N, C-alpha and C. Protein backbone atom coordinates (compact mmCIF):
# COMPACT_ATOMS: atom_id res chain seq x y z
N UNK A 1 0.77 -1.19 0.11
CA UNK A 1 -0.09 -0.38 -0.21
C UNK A 1 1.26 1.30 -0.23
N UNK A 2 0.62 2.13 -1.04
CA UNK A 2 1.25 3.70 -0.51
C UNK A 2 0.70 4.25 0.48
N UNK A 3 1.81 4.56 1.34
CA UNK A 3 1.92 5.55 2.31
C UNK A 3 2.10 7.01 1.74
N UNK A 4 1.92 7.87 1.06
CA UNK A 4 2.06 8.59 0.61
C UNK A 4 0.70 10.08 0.74
N UNK A 5 0.96 11.04 1.41
CA UNK A 5 -0.30 11.83 1.42
C UNK A 5 -0.46 12.70 0.53
N UNK A 6 0.64 12.44 -0.71
CA UNK A 6 0.35 13.37 -2.00
C UNK A 6 -1.18 12.28 -2.76
N UNK A 7 -1.31 10.98 -3.03
CA UNK A 7 -2.64 10.28 -2.74
C UNK A 7 -4.08 11.06 -2.20
N UNK A 8 -3.88 11.00 -1.17
CA UNK A 8 -5.16 11.12 -0.62
C UNK A 8 -4.96 13.34 -0.51
N UNK A 9 -4.27 13.89 -0.51
CA UNK A 9 -4.66 15.22 -0.31
C UNK A 9 -4.25 15.98 -1.46
N UNK A 10 -3.64 15.12 -2.70
CA UNK A 10 -3.67 15.61 -3.92
C UNK A 10 -4.61 15.28 -5.36
N UNK A 11 -3.91 13.92 -5.35
CA UNK A 11 -4.57 13.05 -6.76
C UNK A 11 -5.65 12.78 -6.70
N UNK A 12 -6.78 12.55 -4.87
CA UNK A 12 -7.81 12.12 -4.70
C UNK A 12 -9.20 13.10 -4.97
N UNK A 13 -8.60 14.62 -4.09
CA UNK A 13 -9.07 15.50 -4.66
C UNK A 13 -9.05 16.21 -5.86
N UNK A 14 -8.13 15.82 -6.73
CA UNK A 14 -8.34 16.07 -7.92
C UNK A 14 -9.15 15.67 -9.12
N UNK A 15 -9.09 14.19 -8.54
CA UNK A 15 -10.02 13.46 -9.60
C UNK A 15 -11.53 13.39 -9.11
N UNK A 16 -11.54 14.08 -8.13
CA UNK A 16 -12.86 13.60 -7.62
C UNK A 16 -13.90 14.70 -7.63
N UNK A 17 -13.27 15.83 -6.93
CA UNK A 17 -13.52 16.86 -6.99
C UNK A 17 -13.33 18.07 -8.16
N UNK A 18 -12.54 18.05 -8.76
CA UNK A 18 -11.94 19.10 -9.94
C UNK A 18 -12.40 17.82 -11.03
N UNK A 19 -12.56 16.90 -10.98
CA UNK A 19 -13.17 16.42 -12.37
C UNK A 19 -11.86 16.51 -12.90
N UNK A 20 -10.41 16.03 -13.10
CA UNK A 20 -9.08 15.60 -13.50
C UNK A 20 -8.66 14.54 -14.23
N UNK A 21 -8.71 13.71 -15.21
CA UNK A 21 -8.36 12.48 -15.31
C UNK A 21 -6.39 12.19 -14.81
N UNK A 22 -6.45 11.10 -14.73
CA UNK A 22 -5.24 10.49 -14.23
C UNK A 22 -3.91 11.20 -15.35
N UNK A 23 -3.93 11.24 -16.60
CA UNK A 23 -3.43 11.86 -17.76
C UNK A 23 -3.36 13.04 -17.31
N UNK A 24 -4.15 13.85 -17.53
CA UNK A 24 -4.18 15.50 -17.14
C UNK A 24 -3.25 15.76 -15.79
N UNK A 25 -3.60 14.91 -14.49
CA UNK A 25 -3.09 15.03 -13.94
C UNK A 25 -1.16 15.01 -13.69
N UNK A 26 -0.98 13.67 -14.19
CA UNK A 26 0.70 13.06 -14.72
C UNK A 26 1.45 14.27 -15.29
N UNK A 27 0.53 14.74 -16.43
CA UNK A 27 0.89 16.00 -17.36
C UNK A 27 0.89 17.43 -17.06
N UNK A 28 0.73 17.32 -15.97
CA UNK A 28 0.21 19.12 -14.75
C UNK A 28 1.07 19.41 -14.34
N UNK A 29 2.35 20.68 -14.22
CA UNK A 29 2.94 20.63 -13.29
C UNK A 29 2.61 20.50 -11.46
N UNK A 30 3.33 19.77 -10.70
CA UNK A 30 3.13 20.06 -9.27
C UNK A 30 2.63 21.35 -8.91
N UNK A 31 3.25 22.23 -9.43
CA UNK A 31 3.01 23.51 -8.66
C UNK A 31 1.66 24.07 -9.48
N UNK A 32 1.26 23.58 -10.70
CA UNK A 32 -0.41 24.08 -11.22
C UNK A 32 -1.24 23.18 -10.57
N UNK A 33 -0.60 21.78 -10.13
CA UNK A 33 -1.94 21.04 -9.82
C UNK A 33 -2.11 21.44 -7.93
N UNK A 34 -1.16 22.40 -7.03
CA UNK A 34 -1.73 22.73 -6.11
C UNK A 34 -2.43 23.76 -6.19
N UNK A 35 -1.95 24.70 -7.33
CA UNK A 35 -2.85 26.05 -7.48
C UNK A 35 -4.06 25.84 -7.79
N UNK A 36 -4.47 24.22 -8.69
CA UNK A 36 -6.19 24.26 -9.11
C UNK A 36 -6.85 23.90 -6.96
N UNK A 37 -5.58 22.97 -6.61
CA UNK A 37 -6.46 22.58 -5.57
C UNK A 37 -7.45 24.13 -4.15
N UNK A 38 -6.27 25.04 -4.18
CA UNK A 38 -6.27 26.11 -3.25
C UNK A 38 -7.42 26.73 -4.04
N UNK A 39 -7.30 26.63 -5.27
CA UNK A 39 -8.34 27.63 -5.78
C UNK A 39 -9.61 27.11 -5.85
N UNK A 40 -10.20 25.80 -6.21
CA UNK A 40 -10.88 24.95 -5.31
C UNK A 40 -11.67 24.89 -4.20
N UNK A 41 -10.90 24.51 -3.27
CA UNK A 41 -10.79 25.28 -1.74
C UNK A 41 -11.32 26.25 -1.33
N UNK A 42 -11.04 27.66 -2.13
CA UNK A 42 -10.94 29.03 -2.10
C UNK A 42 -12.52 28.92 -2.65
N UNK A 43 -12.73 28.43 -3.70
CA UNK A 43 -14.49 28.26 -4.73
C UNK A 43 -15.17 27.66 -3.64
N UNK A 44 -14.85 26.81 -2.44
CA UNK A 44 -15.82 25.85 -2.33
C UNK A 44 -16.37 26.90 -0.39
N UNK A 45 -14.86 27.73 0.10
CA UNK A 45 -15.26 28.66 0.98
C UNK A 45 -16.06 29.81 0.44
N UNK A 46 -15.86 30.11 -0.39
CA UNK A 46 -16.61 31.35 -0.89
C UNK A 46 -18.09 30.76 -1.26
N UNK A 47 -18.69 29.93 -1.61
CA UNK A 47 -19.87 29.97 -1.76
C UNK A 47 -20.85 28.70 -0.84
N UNK A 48 -19.47 28.47 0.15
CA UNK A 48 -20.39 27.56 1.00
C UNK A 48 -21.54 27.68 1.98
N UNK A 49 -21.71 29.35 1.97
CA UNK A 49 -23.35 29.28 2.93
C UNK A 49 -23.58 30.53 1.98
N UNK A 50 -23.49 30.50 1.14
CA UNK A 50 -24.75 31.90 0.09
C UNK A 50 -26.01 31.45 0.25
N UNK A 51 -26.69 32.84 0.89
CA UNK A 51 -28.12 32.50 0.64
C UNK A 51 -28.70 32.51 2.31
N UNK A 52 -27.39 32.44 3.04
CA UNK A 52 -28.26 32.05 4.22
C UNK A 52 -27.85 33.71 4.76
N UNK A 53 -28.12 34.39 6.02
CA UNK A 53 -28.19 35.34 6.41
C UNK A 53 -28.23 35.53 7.96
N UNK A 54 -27.59 36.25 8.81
CA UNK A 54 -27.06 36.24 10.27
C UNK A 54 -27.99 35.61 11.22
N UNK A 55 -29.38 35.99 10.76
CA UNK A 55 -30.19 35.56 11.88
C UNK A 55 -30.65 33.63 11.53
N UNK A 56 -30.13 33.34 10.31
CA UNK A 56 -30.61 31.84 9.87
C UNK A 56 -29.18 31.41 10.56
N UNK A 57 -28.01 31.75 10.06
CA UNK A 57 -26.94 31.18 10.85
C UNK A 57 -27.35 31.02 12.56
N UNK A 58 -27.27 31.59 13.00
CA UNK A 58 -27.46 31.93 14.78
C UNK A 58 -28.60 30.95 14.99
N UNK A 59 -29.97 31.31 14.23
CA UNK A 59 -30.59 29.81 14.50
C UNK A 59 -29.93 28.58 14.43
N UNK A 60 -29.08 28.25 13.18
CA UNK A 60 -28.54 26.60 12.34
C UNK A 60 -27.59 26.57 14.15
N UNK A 61 -26.99 27.42 14.53
CA UNK A 61 -25.95 27.65 15.37
C UNK A 61 -26.25 26.80 16.71
N UNK A 62 -27.40 26.84 17.01
CA UNK A 62 -28.10 26.66 18.71
C UNK A 62 -27.93 25.12 17.96
N UNK A 63 -27.96 24.33 16.99
CA UNK A 63 -28.49 23.17 16.75
C UNK A 63 -26.83 22.39 16.60
N UNK A 64 -26.06 23.36 15.87
CA UNK A 64 -24.51 23.03 15.29
C UNK A 64 -23.55 23.71 15.78
N UNK A 65 -22.95 23.43 16.55
CA UNK A 65 -21.91 24.72 17.47
C UNK A 65 -20.75 24.88 15.85
N UNK A 66 -20.69 24.19 14.72
CA UNK A 66 -19.82 24.09 13.73
C UNK A 66 -20.31 25.01 12.94
N UNK A 67 -21.03 25.40 12.90
CA UNK A 67 -21.78 26.52 11.69
C UNK A 67 -21.51 27.61 12.40
N UNK A 68 -20.95 28.20 13.33
CA UNK A 68 -20.47 29.62 13.41
C UNK A 68 -18.93 29.54 13.19
N UNK A 69 -17.81 28.44 13.02
CA UNK A 69 -16.74 28.66 12.31
C UNK A 69 -16.58 28.94 10.93
N UNK A 70 -18.25 28.00 10.30
CA UNK A 70 -17.90 27.95 9.24
C UNK A 70 -18.31 29.01 8.70
N UNK A 71 -19.49 29.93 9.23
CA UNK A 71 -19.85 31.12 8.90
C UNK A 71 -18.49 32.58 8.95
N UNK A 72 -18.00 32.43 10.00
CA UNK A 72 -16.90 33.37 10.04
C UNK A 72 -15.87 32.93 9.24
N UNK A 73 -15.25 31.83 8.79
CA UNK A 73 -14.99 31.38 7.16
C UNK A 73 -15.01 31.94 6.30
N UNK A 74 -16.48 31.86 6.01
CA UNK A 74 -17.14 32.12 4.61
C UNK A 74 -17.19 34.25 4.49
N UNK A 75 -17.28 34.37 6.01
CA UNK A 75 -17.14 35.94 5.76
C UNK A 75 -16.11 36.64 5.42
N UNK A 76 -15.12 35.61 6.16
CA UNK A 76 -13.24 36.08 6.04
C UNK A 76 -13.08 35.84 4.75
N UNK A 77 -13.19 34.91 4.11
CA UNK A 77 -13.47 35.03 2.39
C UNK A 77 -13.91 35.53 1.64
N UNK A 78 -15.03 35.63 1.92
CA UNK A 78 -15.97 37.16 0.98
C UNK A 78 -15.51 38.52 1.17
N UNK A 79 -14.89 38.83 2.44
CA UNK A 79 -14.61 39.94 2.46
C UNK A 79 -13.37 40.68 1.53
N UNK A 80 -12.53 39.12 1.76
CA UNK A 80 -11.04 39.39 1.01
C UNK A 80 -11.37 39.00 -0.37
N UNK A 81 -12.40 38.49 -0.90
CA UNK A 81 -12.35 38.52 -2.31
C UNK A 81 -13.41 40.18 -3.25
N UNK A 82 -13.87 40.53 -1.93
CA UNK A 82 -14.56 41.39 -2.42
C UNK A 82 -13.58 42.93 -2.52
N UNK A 83 -12.34 42.55 -1.59
CA UNK A 83 -11.44 43.90 -1.62
C UNK A 83 -10.75 43.35 -2.82
N UNK A 84 -10.19 42.36 -3.01
CA UNK A 84 -9.72 42.07 -4.07
C UNK A 84 -10.00 42.28 -5.83
N UNK A 85 -11.51 42.20 -6.08
CA UNK A 85 -11.84 42.50 -6.66
C UNK A 85 -12.72 44.12 -7.27
N UNK A 86 -12.13 44.35 -5.72
CA UNK A 86 -12.83 46.17 -6.33
C UNK A 86 -14.11 46.30 -5.40
N UNK A 87 -15.06 45.39 -5.31
CA UNK A 87 -16.05 45.31 -4.99
C UNK A 87 -16.66 46.00 -3.99
N UNK A 88 -15.69 46.00 -2.96
CA UNK A 88 -15.44 47.05 -1.64
C UNK A 88 -14.73 47.50 -1.25
N UNK A 89 -14.08 48.52 -1.05
CA UNK A 89 -13.19 48.82 -0.90
C UNK A 89 -12.83 48.98 0.94
N UNK A 90 -11.64 49.80 1.49
CA UNK A 90 -11.28 48.87 2.68
C UNK A 90 -11.70 50.63 3.31
N UNK A 91 -12.35 50.65 4.42
CA UNK A 91 -13.02 51.84 5.66
C UNK A 91 -11.24 53.40 5.39
N UNK A 92 -11.97 54.15 5.29
CA UNK A 92 -10.42 55.10 5.44
C UNK A 92 -10.47 55.37 6.69
N UNK A 93 -9.26 55.61 7.25
CA UNK A 93 -9.47 56.20 8.50
C UNK A 93 -9.56 57.71 8.69
N UNK A 94 -9.13 58.28 9.90
CA UNK A 94 -9.93 59.54 10.13
C UNK A 94 -8.11 60.31 9.85
N UNK A 95 -7.55 59.74 10.59
CA UNK A 95 -5.79 59.75 9.74
C UNK A 95 -5.69 59.86 8.33
N UNK A 96 -6.18 58.39 7.56
CA UNK A 96 -5.40 58.95 6.58
C UNK A 96 -6.71 59.63 5.28
N UNK A 97 -7.88 60.32 5.80
CA UNK A 97 -8.20 61.46 5.35
C UNK A 97 -7.43 63.20 5.35
N UNK A 98 -6.57 63.20 6.46
CA UNK A 98 -6.02 64.56 6.81
C UNK A 98 -4.29 63.89 5.57
């Protein structure tokens, strides 16, 4: 049996989640494969809680304590991408205005 973390952390997610074939994986440089997995992780985090409001998350977290952490990660990722795309600007400090 192969005892490599690459099989579990790299190849299986690329095949099952991203939909790459074994030949595509073999012909793609490793840095590109890790970039694809990082992008997939960001995408799933970014859209993991679309459509929920703060009140809905608060109600759900009463039954499942892990919801609050997922919501926090979702909000953090959402803010990061809104700033990167220019959809939302960083608030200007008072000292920055002068």
